């Protein structure tokens, strides 16, 4: 049952008078429940509970942490069709998409549970002592990753489950041994509360300390107070550049600056090379259109920029792309604000010098997003940085180059991106090595003959990129390495064996892989 409360630890709380309402973007109607905006005292209480919980949770046995993560997945599944219906109603996303996202959410939790049980993620590194080394003795040194403390997680608008309350940020932070405080996304208030209740139920069933998880509702002021709190040690965020950069700046103004791992979007450039185009330009145009319009263009990996060299084949590609987007029925976008921004930003770009519309640019006016493409000469694109900005929705801009040299210049002009895609033959790759290299320096993931929409959840995935795609391109928000955003390294020198963490003890009772005197060993 949805009550519209904050959860300060396991305690429902409604101290404030300010209220929020969730809306159905498909019809604009508000859901009946009102949601209490967290007060500063409620936020402070949540952080205090998390700080106290950290002293216990960071040292809980890995197997128990893993049990907790698996229990969260079980409780989410136990919510059944009610969770799917609410998430669909608050996001405008179809049932199949939400069911798939629920599966991904639970699989992420189980993936981190397996990681925690296995134990090698702590990167245990041991250099044993050489007491008789000359000219100075060598001490015994043992290093590993440990938790950092309470973490603030911001729910994402475009993934009400997989990047929100119990999404990858929360799963990885909990797996590392950190209590989590979630700030609910205002678009998914009911979904967020249902998942929060599932997490708290799992915490109770598995004996986790009070305060290991809290949730607060609210807008910008709530988020700001949370980030500024001196006991918060890191922030996870998925959303706009404006929102992520504001949190990043705020965190760096603190007396103790903290990391903000913000994934802030991308135009995900796709370079289309001549020999690949000759194979079947129309089919390629239709395939790209499917990626552009997938999820109404509301994926952070949406291919918002296409780059090719002028040719009859590129014209055929552009025509097929435009027609395929026009033939794709408009669908409800995540909320009214996103729909309005999509049409406003698209309109502004279409008014820039050299941009030529391909299709009908009429606004739907009812929160539905219609796909569209436009073209621009590379010479204009290179002069106008406004054309480099993301338009969140089913839109893509085709940059038409005169030759391969100009294509390389376009690659070199780009800012950091989450992904870059090469639609190419092997001969294209060989003939354009400098362009390929230029693109690889700009992105966190580079694809060969695929579409960037769709992010596999696995250890080899890197979902991040050079600024401004993310605030720290070294780290990923997807896959097992996401855990390292919420850890720090500590080295123990000459410690008694019985007082060392389990992973560093001489007998290696957990049997984890460790690097001992430069060699991997169990």
Protein backbone atom coordinates (compact mmCIF):
# COMPACT_ATOMS: atom_id res chain seq x y z
CA UNK A 1 0.00 0.00 0.00
CA UNK A 2 1.34 3.43 -0.98
CA UNK A 3 1.27 5.90 1.91
CA UNK A 4 3.26 8.84 0.54
CA UNK A 5 5.86 8.77 3.31
CA UNK A 6 9.58 9.17 3.50
CA UNK A 7 11.44 6.28 5.11
CA UNK A 8 13.99 7.34 7.71
CA UNK A 9 15.58 3.98 8.12
CA UNK A 10 12.61 1.66 8.51
CA UNK A 11 10.42 4.37 10.04
CA UNK A 12 7.74 6.00 7.84
CA UNK A 13 7.87 9.77 8.30
CA UNK A 14 5.72 12.74 7.25
CA UNK A 15 7.02 15.71 9.21
CA UNK A 16 6.60 18.39 6.55
CA UNK A 17 3.57 20.07 4.99
CA UNK A 18 4.88 20.31 1.41
CA UNK A 19 3.47 17.64 -0.89
CA UNK A 20 4.22 16.13 -4.29
CA UNK A 21 1.95 14.22 -6.67
CA UNK A 22 2.80 11.67 -9.33
CA UNK A 23 1.20 12.09 -12.75
CA UNK A 24 0.38 9.74 -15.59
CA UNK A 25 2.13 11.24 -18.64
CA UNK A 26 -0.24 9.46 -21.02
CA UNK A 27 -3.32 11.38 -19.85
CA UNK A 28 -1.93 14.04 -17.50
CA UNK A 29 -3.98 12.81 -14.57
CA UNK A 30 -2.52 12.85 -11.06
CA UNK A 31 -2.44 9.71 -8.97
CA UNK A 32 -4.53 10.01 -5.79
CA UNK A 33 -1.72 9.78 -3.23
CA UNK A 34 0.15 12.81 -1.95
CA UNK A 35 3.83 12.35 -1.11
CA UNK A 36 5.46 14.17 1.77
CA UNK A 37 8.51 16.26 0.89
CA UNK A 38 11.32 15.49 3.32
CA UNK A 39 12.29 18.21 5.79
CA UNK A 40 15.89 19.03 6.60
CA UNK A 41 15.50 17.32 9.98
CA UNK A 42 14.24 14.14 8.29
CA UNK A 43 17.22 14.17 5.92
CA UNK A 44 19.59 14.72 8.84
CA UNK A 45 17.98 11.84 10.74
CA UNK A 46 18.34 9.56 7.72
CA UNK A 47 22.04 10.41 7.40
CA UNK A 48 22.55 9.94 11.16
CA UNK A 49 20.98 6.48 10.98
CA UNK A 50 23.07 5.63 7.93
CA UNK A 51 26.25 6.77 9.69
CA UNK A 52 25.47 4.57 12.67
CA UNK A 53 24.50 1.64 10.45
CA UNK A 54 27.80 1.95 8.57
CA UNK A 55 29.77 0.97 11.67
CA UNK A 56 28.01 -2.40 11.62
CA UNK A 57 27.21 -2.94 7.95
CA UNK A 58 30.75 -2.41 6.62
CA UNK A 59 31.95 -5.40 8.66
CA UNK A 60 29.03 -7.77 8.07
CA UNK A 61 30.14 -11.05 6.50
CA UNK A 62 30.06 -11.04 2.69
CA UNK A 63 27.62 -13.95 2.64
CA UNK A 64 25.12 -11.96 4.70
CA UNK A 65 25.43 -8.92 2.43
CA UNK A 66 24.83 -11.23 -0.52
CA UNK A 67 21.75 -12.66 1.19
CA UNK A 68 20.44 -9.11 1.63
CA UNK A 69 20.90 -8.25 -2.04
CA UNK A 70 19.18 -11.45 -3.15
CA UNK A 71 16.35 -10.82 -0.70
CA UNK A 72 15.78 -7.39 -2.25
CA UNK A 73 15.38 -9.04 -5.66
CA UNK A 74 12.95 -11.55 -4.19
CA UNK A 75 10.86 -8.85 -2.54
CA UNK A 76 10.73 -6.81 -5.74
CA UNK A 77 9.45 -9.83 -7.63
CA UNK A 78 6.94 -10.47 -4.86
CA UNK A 79 5.33 -7.09 -5.63
CA UNK A 80 4.08 -8.75 -8.81
CA UNK A 81 1.85 -7.03 -11.34
CA UNK A 82 1.11 -4.11 -9.02
CA UNK A 83 4.67 -2.79 -9.39
CA UNK A 84 4.59 -3.17 -13.17
CA UNK A 85 1.26 -1.37 -13.42
CA UNK A 86 2.40 1.51 -11.24
CA UNK A 87 5.71 1.92 -13.08
CA UNK A 88 3.89 1.90 -16.43
CA UNK A 89 1.40 4.46 -15.17
CA UNK A 90 4.06 6.84 -13.86
CA UNK A 91 6.45 6.58 -16.83
CA UNK A 92 4.27 6.01 -19.89
CA UNK A 93 6.49 3.04 -20.75
CA UNK A 94 4.85 -0.16 -22.06
CA UNK A 95 4.34 -3.22 -19.89
CA UNK A 96 6.93 -5.31 -21.73
CA UNK A 97 9.60 -2.67 -21.21
CA UNK A 98 8.88 -2.46 -17.47
CA UNK A 99 8.84 -6.23 -17.09
CA UNK A 100 12.21 -6.40 -18.80
CA UNK A 101 13.54 -3.61 -16.63
CA UNK A 102 12.33 -5.37 -13.50
CA UNK A 103 14.23 -8.47 -14.61
CA UNK A 104 17.35 -6.41 -15.20
CA UNK A 105 17.02 -4.81 -11.77
CA UNK A 106 16.77 -8.16 -10.02
CA UNK A 107 19.57 -9.66 -12.10
CA UNK A 108 21.84 -6.75 -11.17
CA UNK A 109 21.17 -7.38 -7.49
CA UNK A 110 21.95 -11.08 -7.90
CA UNK A 111 25.07 -10.28 -9.92
CA UNK A 112 26.42 -8.16 -7.09
CA UNK A 113 25.43 -10.82 -4.56
CA UNK A 114 27.57 -13.32 -6.47
CA UNK A 115 30.41 -10.80 -6.66
CA UNK A 116 30.33 -10.22 -2.91
CA UNK A 117 30.29 -13.94 -2.11
CA UNK A 118 33.21 -14.64 -4.44
CA UNK A 119 35.23 -11.84 -2.85
CA UNK A 120 37.96 -11.07 -5.38
CA UNK A 121 36.47 -7.61 -6.04
CA UNK A 122 38.36 -6.31 -2.98
CA UNK A 123 41.58 -6.57 -5.06
CA UNK A 124 43.56 -8.04 -2.18
CA UNK A 125 47.25 -7.34 -2.82
CA UNK A 126 49.95 -8.69 -0.54
CA UNK A 127 53.70 -8.05 -0.42
CA UNK A 128 55.22 -10.14 2.35
CA UNK A 129 57.99 -8.87 4.58
CA UNK A 130 61.70 -9.30 3.91
CA UNK A 131 63.16 -8.46 7.33
CA UNK A 132 66.77 -9.08 6.31
CA UNK A 133 66.64 -7.05 3.09
CA UNK A 134 69.53 -4.62 2.67
CA UNK A 135 69.96 -1.76 2.99
CA UNK A 136 66.54 -1.54 4.69
CA UNK A 137 64.06 -4.22 5.79
CA UNK A 138 60.86 -4.60 3.75
CA UNK A 139 57.63 -4.41 5.81
CA UNK A 140 54.62 -6.69 5.35
CA UNK A 141 52.07 -4.76 3.27
CA UNK A 142 48.47 -5.83 2.54
CA UNK A 143 46.02 -3.70 0.55
CA UNK A 144 42.33 -4.03 -0.29
CA UNK A 145 39.19 -2.07 -1.18
CA UNK A 146 36.80 -1.10 1.62
CA UNK A 147 33.51 0.76 1.92
CA UNK A 148 33.48 4.55 2.26
CA UNK A 149 30.29 5.38 4.21
CA UNK A 150 26.74 6.63 3.52
CA UNK A 151 26.00 7.14 -0.17
CA UNK A 152 23.29 9.34 -1.72
CA UNK A 153 21.59 7.92 -4.82
CA UNK A 154 19.36 9.95 -7.16
CA UNK A 155 16.67 8.08 -9.08
CA UNK A 156 16.64 8.43 -12.89
CA UNK A 157 13.68 9.57 -14.97
CA UNK A 158 14.13 7.15 -17.87
CA UNK A 159 14.59 3.93 -15.88
CA UNK A 160 12.06 3.83 -13.03
CA UNK A 161 13.48 0.50 -11.82
CA UNK A 162 16.94 -0.33 -13.22
CA UNK A 163 18.55 3.09 -12.53
CA UNK A 164 16.43 4.16 -9.61
CA UNK A 165 15.58 3.05 -6.08
CA UNK A 166 17.07 -0.46 -6.23
CA UNK A 167 19.00 0.05 -9.46
CA UNK A 168 22.65 -0.43 -10.25
CA UNK A 169 23.87 2.49 -8.12
CA UNK A 170 22.07 1.26 -5.01
CA UNK A 171 23.04 -2.38 -5.64
CA UNK A 172 26.73 -1.58 -6.08
CA UNK A 173 26.86 0.76 -3.08
CA UNK A 174 25.19 -1.80 -0.82
CA UNK A 175 27.43 -4.56 -2.18
CA UNK A 176 30.52 -2.55 -1.22
CA UNK A 177 29.24 -2.21 2.36
CA UNK A 178 27.75 1.29 2.28
CA UNK A 179 24.33 2.36 3.61
CA UNK A 180 22.24 4.12 0.95
CA UNK A 181 19.88 7.08 1.05
CA UNK A 182 17.78 7.36 -2.11
CA UNK A 183 16.23 10.61 -3.28
CA UNK A 184 13.16 9.55 -5.20
CA UNK A 185 12.64 10.89 -8.70
CA UNK A 186 9.57 13.11 -8.70
CA UNK A 187 8.11 11.27 -11.70
CA UNK A 188 8.08 7.84 -10.03
CA UNK A 189 6.99 8.51 -6.47
CA UNK A 190 4.68 5.51 -6.14
CA UNK A 191 7.06 3.11 -7.86
CA UNK A 192 9.84 4.37 -5.63
CA UNK A 193 7.86 3.81 -2.46
CA UNK A 194 6.90 0.27 -3.43
CA UNK A 195 10.53 -0.63 -4.14
CA UNK A 196 11.67 1.12 -0.95
CA UNK A 197 9.30 -1.02 1.06
CA UNK A 198 10.73 -4.11 -0.65
CA UNK A 199 14.30 -3.10 0.28
CA UNK A 200 13.33 -2.44 3.89
CA UNK A 201 11.48 -5.74 4.12
CA UNK A 202 14.56 -7.53 2.79
CA UNK A 203 16.75 -5.69 5.31
CA UNK A 204 14.52 -6.81 8.17
CA UNK A 205 14.40 -10.43 6.98
CA UNK A 206 18.17 -10.68 6.66
CA UNK A 207 19.03 -8.86 9.91
CA UNK A 208 20.60 -5.73 8.45
CA UNK A 209 21.22 -2.77 10.77
CA UNK A 210 18.61 -0.04 11.08
CA UNK A 211 19.52 2.80 8.70
CA UNK A 212 21.17 0.64 6.02
CA UNK A 213 18.56 2.11 3.65
CA UNK A 214 16.49 5.30 3.74
CA UNK A 215 14.41 7.15 1.15
CA UNK A 216 13.41 10.79 0.93
CA UNK A 217 11.00 12.57 -1.41
CA UNK A 218 11.53 16.05 -2.76
CA UNK A 219 12.95 18.29 -5.43
CA UNK A 220 16.14 20.29 -5.81
CA UNK A 221 16.38 21.59 -2.20
CA UNK A 222 16.14 18.06 -0.79
CA UNK A 223 18.86 16.85 -3.14
CA UNK A 224 21.09 19.81 -2.31
CA UNK A 225 20.78 19.30 1.44
CA UNK A 226 21.57 15.62 1.05
CA UNK A 227 24.71 16.25 -1.02
CA UNK A 228 25.95 18.97 1.34
CA UNK A 229 25.57 16.81 4.45
CA UNK A 230 29.08 16.22 5.86
CA UNK A 231 28.46 12.51 6.51
CA UNK A 232 27.54 11.70 2.91
CA UNK A 233 30.64 10.25 1.26
CA UNK A 234 29.64 9.86 -2.41
CA UNK A 235 26.78 10.50 -4.83
CA UNK A 236 25.35 8.44 -7.69
CA UNK A 237 23.32 10.26 -10.34
CA UNK A 238 21.86 9.54 -13.79
CA UNK A 239 20.21 12.40 -15.64
CA UNK A 240 20.82 15.68 -17.41
CA UNK A 241 24.11 17.53 -17.75
CA UNK A 242 22.61 20.49 -15.90
CA UNK A 243 21.51 18.40 -12.93
CA UNK A 244 24.65 16.30 -12.71
CA UNK A 245 27.01 19.26 -13.05
CA UNK A 246 25.11 21.17 -10.35
CA UNK A 247 25.53 18.27 -7.92
CA UNK A 248 29.19 17.90 -8.90
CA UNK A 249 29.86 21.60 -8.26
CA UNK A 250 27.98 21.50 -4.96
CA UNK A 251 29.94 18.46 -3.75
CA UNK A 252 33.23 20.17 -4.57
CA UNK A 253 32.26 23.27 -2.58
CA UNK A 254 32.03 21.27 0.64
CA UNK A 255 34.71 21.48 3.31
CA UNK A 256 35.33 17.83 2.48
CA UNK A 257 34.73 17.43 -1.26
CA UNK A 258 33.22 14.10 -2.25
CA UNK A 259 32.97 12.24 -5.56
CA UNK A 260 29.81 12.62 -7.63
CA UNK A 261 29.47 9.84 -10.16
CA UNK A 262 27.10 11.51 -12.58
CA UNK A 263 26.18 9.99 -15.91
CA UNK A 264 24.91 13.03 -17.81
CA UNK A 265 23.91 11.92 -21.26
CA UNK A 266 25.49 11.85 -24.68
CA UNK A 267 24.80 12.33 -28.39
CA UNK A 268 26.48 8.97 -29.09
CA UNK A 269 27.98 9.74 -32.52
CA UNK A 270 27.59 7.10 -35.23
CA UNK A 271 30.08 7.23 -38.12
CA UNK A 272 28.81 5.69 -41.36
CA UNK A 273 31.58 4.80 -43.78
CA UNK A 274 31.31 4.59 -47.60
CA UNK A 275 31.87 0.88 -48.22
CA UNK A 276 29.35 -0.07 -45.54
CA UNK A 277 26.80 2.30 -47.07
CA UNK A 278 27.16 0.65 -50.47
CA UNK A 279 25.94 -2.70 -49.07
CA UNK A 280 22.36 -1.59 -48.37
CA UNK A 281 21.83 2.10 -47.50
CA UNK A 282 18.05 1.81 -47.12
CA UNK A 283 18.25 -1.14 -44.72
CA UNK A 284 20.91 0.69 -42.71
CA UNK A 285 18.69 3.78 -42.50
CA UNK A 286 15.80 1.69 -41.17
CA UNK A 287 18.04 0.02 -38.58
CA UNK A 288 19.33 3.36 -37.31
CA UNK A 289 15.77 4.71 -37.16
CA UNK A 290 14.82 1.80 -34.92
CA UNK A 291 17.61 2.70 -32.52
CA UNK A 292 16.76 6.44 -32.60
CA UNK A 293 13.09 5.83 -31.83
CA UNK A 294 13.59 3.02 -29.29
CA UNK A 295 12.02 4.03 -25.97
CA UNK A 296 10.92 7.29 -27.65
CA UNK A 297 14.59 8.23 -27.85
CA UNK A 298 14.84 8.41 -24.07
CA UNK A 299 17.94 6.25 -23.65
CA UNK A 300 21.22 7.86 -22.67
CA UNK A 301 22.74 5.83 -25.53
CA UNK A 302 20.35 7.13 -28.20
CA UNK A 303 22.31 7.79 -31.46
CA UNK A 304 21.69 11.53 -31.68
CA UNK A 305 24.44 12.29 -34.20
CA UNK A 306 25.20 10.59 -37.50
CA UNK A 307 28.26 11.36 -39.61
CA UNK A 308 28.80 10.35 -43.24
CA UNK A 309 30.45 11.43 -46.50
CA UNK A 310 28.31 12.95 -49.26
CA UNK A 311 27.27 10.33 -51.81
CA UNK A 312 24.15 8.95 -53.51
CA UNK A 313 24.23 6.13 -50.97
CA UNK A 314 24.21 8.59 -48.05
CA UNK A 315 21.21 10.34 -49.62
CA UNK A 316 19.42 6.98 -49.89
CA UNK A 317 20.30 6.27 -46.26
CA UNK A 318 18.98 9.67 -45.15
CA UNK A 319 15.74 9.20 -47.09
CA UNK A 320 15.12 5.74 -45.59
CA UNK A 321 15.94 7.04 -42.11
CA UNK A 322 13.54 9.97 -42.42
CA UNK A 323 10.75 7.79 -43.78
CA UNK A 324 11.20 5.13 -41.10
CA UNK A 325 11.02 7.75 -38.34
CA UNK A 326 7.92 9.27 -39.92
CA UNK A 327 6.31 5.82 -40.08
CA UNK A 328 7.02 5.11 -36.41
CA UNK A 329 3.97 5.97 -34.33
CA UNK A 330 4.58 8.66 -31.70
CA UNK A 331 4.63 7.40 -28.11
CA UNK A 332 4.19 8.92 -24.68
CA UNK A 333 7.35 10.46 -23.24
CA UNK A 334 8.36 10.13 -19.60
CA UNK A 335 6.74 13.31 -18.38
CA UNK A 336 5.36 16.63 -19.59
CA UNK A 337 8.60 18.50 -18.91
CA UNK A 338 10.68 16.10 -20.98
CA UNK A 339 8.20 16.26 -23.88
CA UNK A 340 8.16 20.05 -23.83
CA UNK A 341 11.97 20.21 -23.69
CA UNK A 342 12.26 17.77 -26.58
CA UNK A 343 10.14 19.88 -28.91
CA UNK A 344 11.62 23.19 -27.75
CA UNK A 345 15.22 22.04 -28.11
CA UNK A 346 14.49 20.41 -31.45
CA UNK A 347 12.86 23.58 -32.75
CA UNK A 348 15.85 25.67 -31.67
CA UNK A 349 18.30 23.34 -33.42
CA UNK A 350 16.28 23.37 -36.64
CA UNK A 351 16.63 27.16 -36.71
CA UNK A 352 20.42 27.03 -36.69
CA UNK A 353 22.30 28.00 -39.85
CA UNK A 354 22.68 25.23 -42.41
CA UNK A 355 20.28 22.76 -40.77
CA UNK A 356 17.81 21.20 -43.21
CA UNK A 357 14.72 19.44 -41.97
CA UNK A 358 13.98 15.90 -43.17
CA UNK A 359 10.34 15.20 -42.39
CA UNK A 360 7.48 16.86 -40.52
CA UNK A 361 8.49 18.86 -37.44
CA UNK A 362 4.98 19.37 -36.07
CA UNK A 363 4.76 19.07 -32.27
CA UNK A 364 2.30 16.44 -31.05
CA UNK A 365 1.31 18.62 -28.08
CA UNK A 366 0.20 15.75 -25.84
CA UNK A 367 3.42 14.42 -24.29
CA UNK A 368 3.97 12.13 -27.28
CA UNK A 369 7.32 12.16 -29.02
CA UNK A 370 7.51 11.92 -32.83
CA UNK A 371 10.79 10.87 -34.43
CA UNK A 372 12.60 13.30 -36.72
CA UNK A 373 15.92 13.82 -38.45
CA UNK A 374 17.73 16.75 -40.04
CA UNK A 375 20.96 17.27 -41.95
CA UNK A 376 23.74 19.83 -41.74
CA UNK A 377 27.00 20.31 -43.65
CA UNK A 378 30.07 19.40 -41.64
CA UNK A 379 31.45 22.90 -42.24
CA UNK A 380 28.54 24.37 -40.26
CA UNK A 381 28.66 21.67 -37.59
CA UNK A 382 32.34 22.38 -36.94
CA UNK A 383 31.63 26.10 -36.43
CA UNK A 384 28.54 25.78 -34.21
CA UNK A 385 28.81 24.03 -30.83
CA UNK A 386 25.03 24.33 -30.34
CA UNK A 387 24.73 21.54 -32.87
CA UNK A 388 26.81 19.30 -30.57
CA UNK A 389 24.26 19.36 -27.73
CA UNK A 390 22.02 16.43 -26.80
CA UNK A 391 18.33 16.54 -27.67
CA UNK A 392 16.69 14.03 -25.33
CA UNK A 393 14.12 12.28 -27.47
CA UNK A 394 13.70 10.52 -30.86
CA UNK A 395 15.81 12.94 -32.91
CA UNK A 396 19.08 12.57 -34.75
CA UNK A 397 21.20 14.99 -36.78
CA UNK A 398 23.06 13.80 -39.88
CA UNK A 399 26.34 15.62 -40.49
CA UNK A 400 27.30 15.49 -44.17
CA UNK A 401 31.05 15.64 -44.83
CA UNK A 402 32.73 16.41 -48.14
CA UNK A 403 35.50 13.86 -47.64
CA UNK A 404 37.29 11.63 -45.14
CA UNK A 405 39.44 14.49 -43.88
CA UNK A 406 36.36 16.46 -42.87
CA UNK A 407 34.93 13.36 -41.21
CA UNK A 408 38.07 13.11 -39.10
CA UNK A 409 37.70 16.77 -38.10
CA UNK A 410 34.17 16.08 -36.91
CA UNK A 411 35.42 13.21 -34.74
CA UNK A 412 38.14 15.42 -33.30
CA UNK A 413 35.66 18.22 -32.52
CA UNK A 414 33.40 16.12 -30.31
CA UNK A 415 33.18 16.29 -26.54
CA UNK A 416 33.23 13.19 -24.34
CA UNK A 417 30.54 10.60 -25.09
CA UNK A 418 29.16 7.44 -23.55
CA UNK A 419 29.39 5.59 -26.86
CA UNK A 420 30.69 5.91 -30.38
CA UNK A 421 29.62 3.64 -33.23
CA UNK A 422 31.37 2.63 -36.43
CA UNK A 423 29.12 1.38 -39.24
CA UNK A 424 31.92 0.11 -41.42
CA UNK A 425 33.57 -2.72 -43.29
CA UNK A 426 37.03 -3.86 -42.32
CA UNK A 427 38.41 -1.98 -45.33
CA UNK A 428 36.64 1.18 -44.10
CA UNK A 429 38.40 0.75 -40.78
CA UNK A 430 41.80 0.31 -42.40
CA UNK A 431 41.32 3.33 -44.69
CA UNK A 432 40.15 5.60 -41.84
CA UNK A 433 42.39 4.66 -38.91
CA UNK A 434 42.88 8.27 -37.80
CA UNK A 435 39.12 8.88 -37.63
CA UNK A 436 38.60 5.64 -35.74
CA UNK A 437 41.37 6.59 -33.32
CA UNK A 438 39.97 10.11 -32.85
CA UNK A 439 36.56 8.70 -31.97
CA UNK A 440 37.98 6.11 -29.59
CA UNK A 441 39.58 8.91 -27.57
CA UNK A 442 36.18 10.55 -27.04
CA UNK A 443 34.07 7.60 -25.81
CA UNK A 444 33.66 5.05 -23.04
CA UNK A 445 32.38 2.30 -25.36
CA UNK A 446 33.05 1.97 -29.08
CA UNK A 447 30.88 -0.30 -31.24
CA UNK A 448 31.56 -1.95 -34.57
CA UNK A 449 28.43 -2.52 -36.70
CA UNK A 450 25.87 -2.41 -33.91
CA UNK A 451 23.48 0.03 -32.33
CA UNK A 452 24.42 1.78 -29.07
CA UNK A 453 20.97 1.43 -27.50
CA UNK A 454 21.08 -1.56 -25.20
CA UNK A 455 23.69 -1.88 -22.46
CA UNK A 456 24.71 -5.40 -21.47
CA UNK A 457 25.04 -5.85 -17.70
CA UNK A 458 28.27 -7.80 -17.27
CA UNK A 459 31.84 -7.42 -15.94
CA UNK A 460 33.26 -6.26 -19.30
CA UNK A 461 30.79 -3.39 -19.77
CA UNK A 462 31.91 0.20 -19.37
CA UNK A 463 29.02 2.66 -19.16
CA UNK A 464 30.63 6.04 -18.67
CA UNK A 465 32.80 8.33 -20.74
CA UNK A 466 35.00 11.41 -20.77
CA UNK A 467 33.43 14.64 -19.49
CA UNK A 468 30.71 15.79 -20.07
CA UNK A 469 29.25 12.32 -20.65
CA UNK A 470 30.12 11.60 -17.03
CA UNK A 471 31.96 13.37 -14.25
CA UNK A 472 34.66 10.70 -14.12
CA UNK A 473 35.24 8.64 -17.24
CA UNK A 474 37.30 6.05 -15.36
CA UNK A 475 34.22 4.59 -13.70
CA UNK A 476 31.21 2.69 -15.00
CA UNK A 477 27.64 2.75 -13.70
CA UNK A 478 26.86 -0.66 -15.26
CA UNK A 479 28.56 -3.99 -14.59
CA UNK A 480 30.47 -5.32 -11.60
CA UNK A 481 33.16 -2.62 -11.72
CA UNK A 482 30.46 -0.11 -10.70
CA UNK A 483 31.27 -1.15 -7.13
CA UNK A 484 34.56 0.75 -7.23
CA UNK A 485 32.79 4.11 -7.25
CA UNK A 486 31.91 3.48 -3.64
CA UNK A 487 35.15 2.09 -2.24
CA UNK A 488 38.56 3.31 -1.20
CA UNK A 489 41.90 1.54 -0.80
CA UNK A 490 43.51 0.88 2.56
CA UNK A 491 46.93 -0.64 3.23
CA UNK A 492 47.76 -2.56 6.42
CA UNK A 493 51.44 -2.52 7.35
CA UNK A 494 52.92 -5.12 9.69
CA UNK A 495 49.53 -6.04 11.19
CA UNK A 496 49.04 -9.13 13.37
CA UNK A 497 47.43 -11.78 11.18
CA UNK A 498 44.50 -12.40 13.50
CA UNK A 499 43.52 -8.72 13.34
CA UNK A 500 43.56 -8.42 9.54
CA UNK A 501 40.38 -8.45 7.45
CA UNK A 502 39.48 -11.97 6.39
CA UNK A 503 40.49 -11.37 2.77
CA UNK A 504 44.05 -10.47 3.82
CA UNK A 505 44.74 -13.21 6.37
CA UNK A 506 47.66 -15.51 5.62
CA UNK A 507 45.51 -18.66 5.33
CA UNK A 508 43.01 -16.94 2.97
CA UNK A 509 39.98 -18.57 4.65
CA UNK A 510 37.58 -17.21 1.97
CA UNK A 511 39.69 -18.65 -0.83
CA UNK A 512 39.62 -15.42 -2.85
CA UNK A 513 42.02 -14.64 -5.67
CA UNK A 514 44.79 -12.38 -4.40
CA UNK A 515 47.99 -10.94 -5.85
CA UNK A 516 50.75 -12.20 -3.55
CA UNK A 517 54.26 -10.96 -4.24
CA UNK A 518 53.21 -10.13 -7.80
CA UNK A 519 51.49 -13.42 -8.61
CA UNK A 520 47.77 -14.28 -8.58
CA UNK A 521 47.04 -16.93 -6.02
CA UNK A 522 44.34 -18.46 -3.86
